[in-house]
Amino acid sequence: MQLDGARQAAAAATGAWDRARRLVAVASGKGGVGTSTAAALLGAAVAATGRRVLLVDAVGQLGTLHQVLGISPSHTLGALRHGLEPQDFVTPVSPTLALLAVAPDDAAIGDTDRRILQHRLLSLYDDYDLVVADAGAHASAILQTCRDGASRVFAVCGADRVGLAATFALIKFLGQHAPNVRVDVLTNRVTTEMAATLHAHVNAATVRFLSRTVHLAGSIPEDDDFGQALTAGLGAHDAAVGSSAVAAMHDVGERLLTDLATYPWTGASLMTRTLRKR
């Protein structure tokens, strides 16, 4: 009996690891920096390699990822109580890319019931090679994605001083509430040289005040054609064709997949290096 219990515990731990390994979050310390676009670009870049990718509008009815993709969710979360299955909430974007999003609730759902219903959707993650959750700048969504098992958070950062301060605040928040989750800085709409400078400022602050380092995941360049295509109404997947922003995210995605293939690791031991003050 003890052996059976140990085997069940080991199987549960392996399942939790497999889910955590494939779930990453895209977030920011302030709104308007492009987390939805970054999530869509990352998903499209990895899906282009043949991996199955699920994009998740983790902010729920306040999220904009579905808008970036040009998709309107048709089911509310409450529909799970009336016969729908989690798969009914998935909308294909391409043969290897899909979106999980819910429509605004048509009736009030309590926090406990909402979390129970959201937990049912987590079973979908096991069917994909990578799950990219757009948590935006909402602290509750960011923290919940980490609790759901996210192995890494991409902190999207712009070039302004407020954005830098907000990125530092996000890293501090995660260090307090999800210390084992790795945080990488992902700059948006800046050059490679500027990205290195921004990362140096953020990393210097985290080393000095938080006793930890953060990595630079990469930089999404300014791409006028991509932006115009989105403005014209094309979904991010169609607008991504020939985009320099997608090319940059392809490199980010390849490094991410290489890291996630390493087993075992934890955010504290490998992905986020903690410095000890002397």
C-alpha atoms as a PDB file:
ATOM      1  CA  MET A   1       0.000   0.000   0.000  1.00  0.00           C
ATOM      2  CA  GLN A   2       2.810   2.376   0.831  1.00  0.00           C
ATOM      3  CA  LEU A   3       4.476   1.539  -2.479  1.00  0.00           C
ATOM      4  CA  ASP A   4       1.262   2.282  -4.382  1.00  0.00           C
ATOM      5  CA  GLY A   5       0.970   5.584  -2.558  1.00  0.00           C
ATOM      6  CA  ALA A   6       4.543   6.470  -3.434  1.00  0.00           C
ATOM      7  CA  ARG A   7       3.934   5.618  -7.086  1.00  0.00           C
ATOM      8  CA  GLN A   8       0.819   7.781  -7.176  1.00  0.00           C
ATOM      9  CA  ALA A   9       2.688  10.658  -5.559  1.00  0.00           C
ATOM     10  CA  ALA A  10       5.513  10.279  -8.085  1.00  0.00           C
ATOM     11  CA  ALA A  11       3.057  10.228 -10.980  1.00  0.00           C
ATOM     12  CA  ALA A  12       1.333  13.335  -9.648  1.00  0.00           C
ATOM     13  CA  ALA A  13       4.676  15.124  -9.262  1.00  0.00           C
ATOM     14  CA  THR A  14       5.676  14.176 -12.797  1.00  0.00           C
ATOM     15  CA  GLY A  15       2.361  15.429 -14.147  1.00  0.00           C
ATOM     16  CA  ALA A  16       2.751  18.697 -12.262  1.00  0.00           C
ATOM     17  CA  TRP A  17       6.284  19.063 -13.632  1.00  0.00           C
ATOM     18  CA  ASP A  18       5.152  18.374 -17.206  1.00  0.00           C
ATOM     19  CA  ARG A  19       2.443  21.012 -16.942  1.00  0.00           C
ATOM     20  CA  ALA A  20       4.751  23.565 -15.281  1.00  0.00           C
ATOM     21  CA  ARG A  21       7.446  22.974 -17.869  1.00  0.00           C
ATOM     22  CA  ARG A  22       5.155  23.938 -20.735  1.00  0.00           C
ATOM     23  CA  LEU A  23       3.420  26.973 -19.148  1.00  0.00           C
ATOM     24  CA  VAL A  24       4.925  30.470 -19.370  1.00  0.00           C
ATOM     25  CA  ALA A  25       3.367  33.858 -18.692  1.00  0.00           C
ATOM     26  CA  VAL A  26       3.735  37.193 -20.447  1.00  0.00           C
ATOM     27  CA  ALA A  27       3.136  40.103 -18.083  1.00  0.00           C
ATOM     28  CA  SER A  28       4.080  43.688 -17.293  1.00  0.00           C
ATOM     29  CA  GLY A  29       4.152  46.113 -14.414  1.00  0.00           C
ATOM     30  CA  LYS A  30       1.977  48.644 -16.254  1.00  0.00           C
ATOM     31  CA  GLY A  31      -0.596  48.548 -18.998  1.00  0.00           C
ATOM     32  CA  GLY A  32      -0.068  49.545 -22.595  1.00  0.00           C
ATOM     33  CA  VAL A  33       3.344  47.969 -23.183  1.00  0.00           C
ATOM     34  CA  GLY A  34       2.125  45.194 -25.469  1.00  0.00           C
ATOM     35  CA  THR A  35       1.828  41.943 -23.492  1.00  0.00           C
ATOM     36  CA  SER A  36      -0.938  40.646 -25.753  1.00  0.00           C
ATOM     37  CA  THR A  37       1.081  41.338 -28.888  1.00  0.00           C
ATOM     38  CA  ALA A  38       4.195  39.802 -27.330  1.00  0.00           C
ATOM     39  CA  ALA A  39       2.271  36.682 -26.311  1.00  0.00           C
ATOM     40  CA  ALA A  40       0.763  36.341 -29.778  1.00  0.00           C
ATOM     41  CA  LEU A  41       4.170  36.781 -31.434  1.00  0.00           C
ATOM     42  CA  LEU A  42       5.803  34.229 -29.148  1.00  0.00           C
ATOM     43  CA  GLY A  43       3.018  31.750 -29.775  1.00  0.00           C
ATOM     44  CA  ALA A  44       3.149  32.248 -33.536  1.00  0.00           C
ATOM     45  CA  ALA A  45       6.946  31.927 -33.606  1.00  0.00           C
ATOM     46  CA  VAL A  46       6.989  28.645 -31.676  1.00  0.00           C
ATOM     47  CA  ALA A  47       3.982  27.260 -33.566  1.00  0.00           C
ATOM     48  CA  ALA A  48       5.839  27.930 -36.824  1.00  0.00           C
ATOM     49  CA  THR A  49       8.402  25.293 -35.772  1.00  0.00           C
ATOM     50  CA  GLY A  50       5.668  22.634 -35.739  1.00  0.00           C
ATOM     51  CA  ARG A  51       5.068  22.601 -31.974  1.00  0.00           C
ATOM     52  CA  ARG A  52       1.497  22.748 -30.734  1.00  0.00           C
ATOM     53  CA  VAL A  53       0.974  26.030 -28.875  1.00  0.00           C
ATOM     54  CA  LEU A  54      -1.985  27.217 -26.811  1.00  0.00           C
ATOM     55  CA  LEU A  55      -2.414  30.936 -26.193  1.00  0.00           C
ATOM     56  CA  VAL A  56      -4.393  31.785 -23.055  1.00  0.00           C
ATOM     57  CA  ASP A  57      -6.226  35.026 -22.353  1.00  0.00           C
ATOM     58  CA  ALA A  58      -5.395  34.775 -18.638  1.00  0.00           C
ATOM     59  CA  VAL A  59      -7.029  38.076 -17.691  1.00  0.00           C
ATOM     60  CA  GLY A  60     -10.422  36.621 -18.598  1.00  0.00           C
ATOM     61  CA  GLN A  61     -13.069  39.025 -19.819  1.00  0.00           C
ATOM     62  CA  LEU A  62     -10.690  41.980 -19.400  1.00  0.00           C
ATOM     63  CA  GLY A  63      -8.055  40.459 -21.683  1.00  0.00           C
ATOM     64  CA  THR A  64      -7.208  41.703 -25.169  1.00  0.00           C
ATOM     65  CA  LEU A  65      -5.312  38.733 -26.602  1.00  0.00           C
ATOM     66  CA  HIS A  66      -8.374  37.591 -28.540  1.00  0.00           C
ATOM     67  CA  GLN A  67      -8.664  41.072 -30.056  1.00  0.00           C
ATOM     68  CA  VAL A  68      -5.044  40.980 -31.209  1.00  0.00           C
ATOM     69  CA  LEU A  69      -5.788  37.660 -32.911  1.00  0.00           C
ATOM     70  CA  GLY A  70      -9.038  38.919 -34.412  1.00  0.00           C
ATOM     71  CA  ILE A  71     -11.152  36.331 -32.553  1.00  0.00           C
ATOM     72  CA  SER A  72     -14.359  36.834 -30.562  1.00  0.00           C
ATOM     73  CA  PRO A  73     -14.875  34.286 -27.746  1.00  0.00           C
ATOM     74  CA  SER A  74     -18.343  32.774 -27.924  1.00  0.00           C
ATOM     75  CA  HIS A  75     -18.690  30.996 -24.566  1.00  0.00           C
ATOM     76  CA  THR A  76     -18.825  32.394 -21.039  1.00  0.00           C
ATOM     77  CA  LEU A  77     -17.089  30.594 -18.209  1.00  0.00           C
ATOM     78  CA  GLY A  78     -20.454  29.702 -16.735  1.00  0.00           C
ATOM     79  CA  ALA A  79     -21.214  27.561 -19.794  1.00  0.00           C
ATOM     80  CA  LEU A  80     -19.024  24.862 -18.241  1.00  0.00           C
ATOM     81  CA  ARG A  81     -21.853  24.295 -15.787  1.00  0.00           C
ATOM     82  CA  HIS A  82     -24.307  23.647 -18.608  1.00  0.00           C
ATOM     83  CA  GLY A  83     -22.746  20.828 -20.586  1.00  0.00           C
ATOM     84  CA  LEU A  84     -19.849  22.437 -22.432  1.00  0.00           C
ATOM     85  CA  GLU A  85     -16.388  20.884 -22.184  1.00  0.00           C
ATOM     86  CA  PRO A  86     -13.044  22.723 -21.853  1.00  0.00           C
ATOM     87  CA  GLN A  87     -12.201  21.946 -25.495  1.00  0.00           C
ATOM     88  CA  ASP A  88     -15.259  23.971 -26.582  1.00  0.00           C
ATOM     89  CA  PHE A  89     -13.455  27.129 -25.426  1.00  0.00           C
ATOM     90  CA  VAL A  90     -10.485  26.577 -27.768  1.00  0.00           C
ATOM     91  CA  THR A  91     -10.422  28.388 -31.112  1.00  0.00           C
ATOM     92  CA  PRO A  92      -7.913  27.230 -33.764  1.00  0.00           C
ATOM     93  CA  VAL A  93      -5.729  30.006 -35.163  1.00  0.00           C
ATOM     94  CA  SER A  94      -3.587  27.772 -37.380  1.00  0.00           C
ATOM     95  CA  PRO A  95      -2.889  24.019 -37.553  1.00  0.00           C
ATOM     96  CA  THR A  96      -0.444  24.335 -34.625  1.00  0.00           C
ATOM     97  CA  LEU A  97      -1.708  27.433 -32.805  1.00  0.00           C
ATOM     98  CA  ALA A  98      -4.911  27.814 -30.770  1.00  0.00           C
ATOM     99  CA  LEU A  99      -6.485  30.329 -28.409  1.00  0.00           C
ATOM    100  CA  LEU A 100      -8.225  29.685 -25.083  1.00  0.00           C
ATOM    101  CA  ALA A 101     -10.447  32.613 -24.162  1.00  0.00           C
ATOM    102  CA  VAL A 102     -13.828  33.172 -22.513  1.00  0.00           C
ATOM    103  CA  ALA A 103     -16.527  35.697 -23.284  1.00  0.00           C
ATOM    104  CA  PRO A 104     -17.715  38.185 -20.632  1.00  0.00           C
ATOM    105  CA  ASP A 105     -19.939  36.490 -18.079  1.00  0.00           C
ATOM    106  CA  ASP A 106     -23.668  36.906 -18.630  1.00  0.00           C
ATOM    107  CA  ALA A 107     -24.339  36.260 -14.956  1.00  0.00           C
ATOM    108  CA  ALA A 108     -22.464  36.839 -11.726  1.00  0.00           C
ATOM    109  CA  ILE A 109     -20.145  34.022 -10.695  1.00  0.00           C
ATOM    110  CA  GLY A 110     -18.621  33.976  -7.229  1.00  0.00           C
ATOM    111  CA  ASP A 111     -14.864  33.917  -6.826  1.00  0.00           C
ATOM    112  CA  THR A 112     -14.834  30.330  -5.571  1.00  0.00           C
ATOM    113  CA  ASP A 113     -17.032  29.034  -8.388  1.00  0.00           C
ATOM    114  CA  ARG A 114     -14.973  30.986 -10.915  1.00  0.00           C
ATOM    115  CA  ARG A 115     -11.743  29.425  -9.714  1.00  0.00           C
ATOM    116  CA  ILE A 116     -13.272  25.927  -9.800  1.00  0.00           C
ATOM    117  CA  LEU A 117     -14.425  26.432 -13.374  1.00  0.00           C
ATOM    118  CA  GLN A 118     -11.084  27.947 -14.417  1.00  0.00           C
ATOM    119  CA  HIS A 119      -9.313  24.960 -12.907  1.00  0.00           C
ATOM    120  CA  ARG A 120     -11.206  22.682 -15.277  1.00  0.00           C
ATOM    121  CA  LEU A 121      -9.651  24.529 -18.205  1.00  0.00           C
ATOM    122  CA  LEU A 122      -6.149  23.640 -17.002  1.00  0.00           C
ATOM    123  CA  SER A 123      -6.640  20.097 -18.289  1.00  0.00           C
ATOM    124  CA  LEU A 124      -6.252  21.504 -21.810  1.00  0.00           C
ATOM    125  CA  TYR A 125      -2.615  22.382 -21.180  1.00  0.00           C
ATOM    126  CA  ASP A 126      -1.568  18.727 -21.305  1.00  0.00           C
ATOM    127  CA  ASP A 127      -2.385  18.587 -25.031  1.00  0.00           C
ATOM    128  CA  TYR A 128       0.165  21.238 -26.046  1.00  0.00           C
ATOM    129  CA  ASP A 129       3.931  21.554 -26.260  1.00  0.00           C
ATOM    130  CA  LEU A 130       3.838  25.134 -24.985  1.00  0.00           C
ATOM    131  CA  VAL A 131       1.185  27.240 -23.263  1.00  0.00           C
ATOM    132  CA  VAL A 132       1.632  31.021 -23.372  1.00  0.00           C
ATOM    133  CA  ALA A 133      -0.605  32.936 -20.961  1.00  0.00           C
ATOM    134  CA  ASP A 134      -1.145  36.655 -21.434  1.00  0.00           C
ATOM    135  CA  ALA A 135      -1.534  37.921 -17.857  1.00  0.00           C
ATOM    136  CA  GLY A 136      -1.267  41.601 -18.759  1.00  0.00           C
ATOM    137  CA  ALA A 137      -0.570  44.026 -15.925  1.00  0.00           C
ATOM    138  CA  HIS A 138      -3.143  42.484 -13.579  1.00  0.00           C
ATOM    139  CA  ALA A 139      -1.469  41.306 -10.361  1.00  0.00           C
ATOM    140  CA  SER A 140      -4.169  38.731  -9.642  1.00  0.00           C
ATOM    141  CA  ALA A 141      -3.898  37.181 -13.114  1.00  0.00           C
ATOM    142  CA  ILE A 142      -0.089  37.134 -12.964  1.00  0.00           C
ATOM    143  CA  LEU A 143      -0.067  35.488  -9.549  1.00  0.00           C
ATOM    144  CA  GLN A 144      -2.757  32.971 -10.505  1.00  0.00           C
ATOM    145  CA  THR A 145      -0.819  31.942 -13.609  1.00  0.00           C
ATOM    146  CA  CYS A 146       2.204  31.323 -11.398  1.00  0.00           C
ATOM    147  CA  ARG A 147       0.055  29.274  -9.019  1.00  0.00           C
ATOM    148  CA  ASP A 148      -1.192  27.285 -11.996  1.00  0.00           C
ATOM    149  CA  GLY A 149       2.416  26.218 -12.504  1.00  0.00           C
ATOM    150  CA  ALA A 150       4.067  28.776 -14.789  1.00  0.00           C
ATOM    151  CA  SER A 151       7.797  28.127 -14.950  1.00  0.00           C
ATOM    152  CA  ARG A 152       8.691  31.574 -16.251  1.00  0.00           C
ATOM    153  CA  VAL A 153       7.359  35.094 -16.587  1.00  0.00           C
ATOM    154  CA  PHE A 154       8.383  37.330 -19.458  1.00  0.00           C
ATOM    155  CA  ALA A 155       8.259  40.883 -18.093  1.00  0.00           C
ATOM    156  CA  VAL A 156       7.508  43.127 -21.077  1.00  0.00           C
ATOM    157  CA  CYS A 157       9.225  46.487 -20.796  1.00  0.00           C
ATOM    158  CA  GLY A 158       9.238  49.667 -22.867  1.00  0.00           C
ATOM    159  CA  ALA A 159      11.890  52.369 -23.024  1.00  0.00           C
ATOM    160  CA  ASP A 160      10.304  54.945 -20.701  1.00  0.00           C
ATOM    161  CA  ARG A 161      11.323  55.512 -17.075  1.00  0.00           C
ATOM    162  CA  VAL A 162       7.869  54.638 -15.770  1.00  0.00           C
ATOM    163  CA  GLY A 163       8.050  51.321 -17.607  1.00  0.00           C
ATOM    164  CA  LEU A 164      11.441  50.542 -16.095  1.00  0.00           C
ATOM    165  CA  ALA A 165      10.160  51.297 -12.593  1.00  0.00           C
ATOM    166  CA  ALA A 166       7.070  49.171 -13.226  1.00  0.00           C
ATOM    167  CA  THR A 167       9.204  46.278 -14.448  1.00  0.00           C
ATOM    168  CA  PHE A 168      11.287  46.437 -11.279  1.00  0.00           C
ATOM    169  CA  ALA A 169       8.077  46.506  -9.213  1.00  0.00           C
ATOM    170  CA  LEU A 170       6.811  43.408 -11.041  1.00  0.00           C
ATOM    171  CA  ILE A 171      10.049  41.531 -10.384  1.00  0.00           C
ATOM    172  CA  LYS A 172       9.883  42.513  -6.714  1.00  0.00           C
ATOM    173  CA  PHE A 173       6.240  41.388  -6.507  1.00  0.00           C
ATOM    174  CA  LEU A 174       7.053  38.007  -8.028  1.00  0.00           C
ATOM    175  CA  GLY A 175      10.057  37.602  -5.753  1.00  0.00           C
ATOM    176  CA  GLN A 176       7.745  38.020  -2.762  1.00  0.00           C
ATOM    177  CA  HIS A 177       4.822  35.890  -3.974  1.00  0.00           C
ATOM    178  CA  ALA A 178       6.324  33.434  -6.499  1.00  0.00           C
ATOM    179  CA  PRO A 179      10.052  33.243  -5.691  1.00  0.00           C
ATOM    180  CA  ASN A 180      10.661  30.030  -7.663  1.00  0.00           C
ATOM    181  CA  VAL A 181       9.425  31.467 -10.950  1.00  0.00           C
ATOM    182  CA  ARG A 182      12.083  32.759 -13.294  1.00  0.00           C
ATOM    183  CA  VAL A 183      11.591  36.310 -14.590  1.00  0.00           C
ATOM    184  CA  ASP A 184      13.084  37.389 -17.920  1.00  0.00           C
ATOM    185  CA  VAL A 185      12.956  40.923 -19.302  1.00  0.00           C
ATOM    186  CA  LEU A 186      11.466  41.190 -22.789  1.00  0.00           C
ATOM    187  CA  THR A 187      11.774  44.647 -24.309  1.00  0.00           C
ATOM    188  CA  ASN A 188       9.212  45.858 -26.818  1.00  0.00           C
ATOM    189  CA  ARG A 189       9.537  48.331 -29.690  1.00  0.00           C
ATOM    190  CA  VAL A 190      13.195  49.101 -29.047  1.00  0.00           C
ATOM    191  CA  THR A 191      16.475  48.307 -30.783  1.00  0.00           C
ATOM    192  CA  THR A 192      18.791  45.518 -29.689  1.00  0.00           C
ATOM    193  CA  GLU A 193      21.250  48.081 -28.336  1.00  0.00           C
ATOM    194  CA  MET A 194      18.564  49.880 -26.341  1.00  0.00           C
ATOM    195  CA  ALA A 195      17.303  46.536 -25.026  1.00  0.00           C
ATOM    196  CA  ALA A 196      20.749  45.780 -23.603  1.00  0.00           C
ATOM    197  CA  THR A 197      20.832  49.183 -21.906  1.00  0.00           C
ATOM    198  CA  LEU A 198      17.350  48.796 -20.425  1.00  0.00           C
ATOM    199  CA  HIS A 199      18.172  45.325 -19.158  1.00  0.00           C
ATOM    200  CA  ALA A 200      21.387  46.582 -17.587  1.00  0.00           C
ATOM    201  CA  HIS A 201      19.424  49.223 -15.632  1.00  0.00           C
ATOM    202  CA  VAL A 202      16.779  46.743 -14.460  1.00  0.00           C
ATOM    203  CA  ASN A 203      19.328  44.082 -13.567  1.00  0.00           C
ATOM    204  CA  ALA A 204      21.486  46.546 -11.638  1.00  0.00           C
ATOM    205  CA  ALA A 205      18.463  47.540  -9.561  1.00  0.00           C
ATOM    206  CA  THR A 206      17.411  43.938  -8.882  1.00  0.00           C
ATOM    207  CA  VAL A 207      20.944  42.980  -7.871  1.00  0.00           C
ATOM    208  CA  ARG A 208      21.269  45.947  -5.535  1.00  0.00           C
ATOM    209  CA  PHE A 209      17.840  45.948  -3.926  1.00  0.00           C
ATOM    210  CA  LEU A 210      16.506  42.403  -4.405  1.00  0.00           C
ATOM    211  CA  SER A 211      19.734  40.370  -4.384  1.00  0.00           C
ATOM    212  CA  ARG A 212      18.858  38.543  -7.602  1.00  0.00           C
ATOM    213  CA  THR A 213      19.630  38.745 -11.291  1.00  0.00           C
ATOM    214  CA  VAL A 214      17.235  38.761 -14.214  1.00  0.00           C
ATOM    215  CA  HIS A 215      17.972  37.627 -17.746  1.00  0.00           C
ATOM    216  CA  LEU A 216      17.266  39.437 -21.007  1.00  0.00           C
ATOM    217  CA  ALA A 217      14.977  37.199 -23.051  1.00  0.00           C
ATOM    218  CA  GLY A 218      15.282  39.352 -26.162  1.00  0.00           C
ATOM    219  CA  SER A 219      13.886  42.407 -27.866  1.00  0.00           C
ATOM    220  CA  ILE A 220      10.880  42.934 -30.110  1.00  0.00           C
ATOM    221  CA  PRO A 221      11.846  45.573 -32.687  1.00  0.00           C
ATOM    222  CA  GLU A 222       9.576  48.333 -33.907  1.00  0.00           C
ATOM    223  CA  ASP A 223       7.720  46.839 -36.869  1.00  0.00           C
ATOM    224  CA  ASP A 224       5.544  49.385 -38.685  1.00  0.00           C
ATOM    225  CA  ASP A 225       4.205  46.838 -41.181  1.00  0.00           C
ATOM    226  CA  PHE A 226       3.061  44.543 -38.382  1.00  0.00           C
ATOM    227  CA  GLY A 227       1.417  47.415 -36.533  1.00  0.00           C
ATOM    228  CA  GLN A 228      -0.361  48.645 -39.658  1.00  0.00           C
ATOM    229  CA  ALA A 229      -1.600  45.145 -40.422  1.00  0.00           C
ATOM    230  CA  LEU A 230      -3.092  44.886 -36.929  1.00  0.00           C
ATOM    231  CA  THR A 231      -4.690  48.323 -37.304  1.00  0.00           C
ATOM    232  CA  ALA A 232      -6.172  47.231 -40.641  1.00  0.00           C
ATOM    233  CA  GLY A 233      -7.931  44.367 -38.895  1.00  0.00           C
ATOM    234  CA  LEU A 234      -5.655  41.430 -39.636  1.00  0.00           C
ATOM    235  CA  GLY A 235      -5.149  38.978 -36.796  1.00  0.00           C
ATOM    236  CA  ALA A 236      -1.655  38.714 -35.328  1.00  0.00           C
ATOM    237  CA  HIS A 237      -1.102  35.329 -36.985  1.00  0.00           C
ATOM    238  CA  ASP A 238      -1.745  36.739 -40.489  1.00  0.00           C
ATOM    239  CA  ALA A 239       0.037  40.013 -39.776  1.00  0.00           C
ATOM    240  CA  ALA A 240       3.110  38.050 -38.634  1.00  0.00           C
ATOM    241  CA  VAL A 241       3.981  36.879 -42.148  1.00  0.00           C
ATOM    242  CA  GLY A 242       7.382  38.368 -43.019  1.00  0.00           C
ATOM    243  CA  SER A 243       7.470  40.358 -39.787  1.00  0.00           C
ATOM    244  CA  SER A 244      10.832  41.279 -38.254  1.00  0.00           C
ATOM    245  CA  ALA A 245       9.132  41.152 -34.863  1.00  0.00           C
ATOM    246  CA  VAL A 246       8.228  37.488 -35.395  1.00  0.00           C
ATOM    247  CA  ALA A 247      11.795  36.739 -36.507  1.00  0.00           C
ATOM    248  CA  ALA A 248      13.065  38.207 -33.228  1.00  0.00           C
ATOM    249  CA  MET A 249      10.543  36.203 -31.234  1.00  0.00           C
ATOM    250  CA  HIS A 250      11.589  33.043 -33.068  1.00  0.00           C
ATOM    251  CA  ASP A 251      15.004  33.368 -31.402  1.00  0.00           C
ATOM    252  CA  VAL A 252      13.330  33.958 -28.018  1.00  0.00           C
ATOM    253  CA  GLY A 253      11.151  30.897 -28.555  1.00  0.00           C
ATOM    254  CA  GLU A 254      14.051  28.644 -29.528  1.00  0.00           C
ATOM    255  CA  ARG A 255      15.996  29.621 -26.412  1.00  0.00           C
ATOM    256  CA  LEU A 256      12.890  29.076 -24.312  1.00  0.00           C
ATOM    257  CA  LEU A 257      12.301  25.581 -25.704  1.00  0.00           C
ATOM    258  CA  THR A 258      15.947  24.669 -25.121  1.00  0.00           C
ATOM    259  CA  ASP A 259      15.703  25.822 -21.498  1.00  0.00           C
ATOM    260  CA  LEU A 260      12.411  24.048 -20.853  1.00  0.00           C
ATOM    261  CA  ALA A 261      13.814  20.794 -22.206  1.00  0.00           C
ATOM    262  CA  THR A 262      16.310  20.746 -19.321  1.00  0.00           C
ATOM    263  CA  TYR A 263      15.167  18.480 -16.493  1.00  0.00           C
ATOM    264  CA  PRO A 264      15.084  18.794 -13.579  1.00  0.00           C
ATOM    265  CA  TRP A 265      15.308  22.425 -12.626  1.00  0.00           C
ATOM    266  CA  THR A 266      13.546  24.965 -10.451  1.00  0.00           C
ATOM    267  CA  GLY A 267      13.194  28.697 -10.829  1.00  0.00           C
ATOM    268  CA  ALA A 268      15.388  29.312  -7.819  1.00  0.00           C
ATOM    269  CA  SER A 269      18.173  26.858  -8.588  1.00  0.00           C
ATOM    270  CA  LEU A 270      18.751  27.344 -12.304  1.00  0.00           C
ATOM    271  CA  MET A 271      16.560  29.861 -14.059  1.00  0.00           C
ATOM    272  CA  THR A 272      16.861  32.682 -11.518  1.00  0.00           C
ATOM    273  CA  ARG A 273      20.179  33.136  -9.800  1.00  0.00           C
ATOM    274  CA  THR A 274      20.022  34.569  -6.301  1.00  0.00           C
ATOM    275  CA  LEU A 275      23.012  36.536  -5.090  1.00  0.00           C
ATOM    276  CA  ARG A 276      24.131  36.299  -1.507  1.00  0.00           C
ATOM    277  CA  LYS A 277      25.252  39.509   0.113  1.00  0.00           C
ATOM    278  CA  ARG A 278      28.548  39.254   1.881  1.00  0.00           C
END
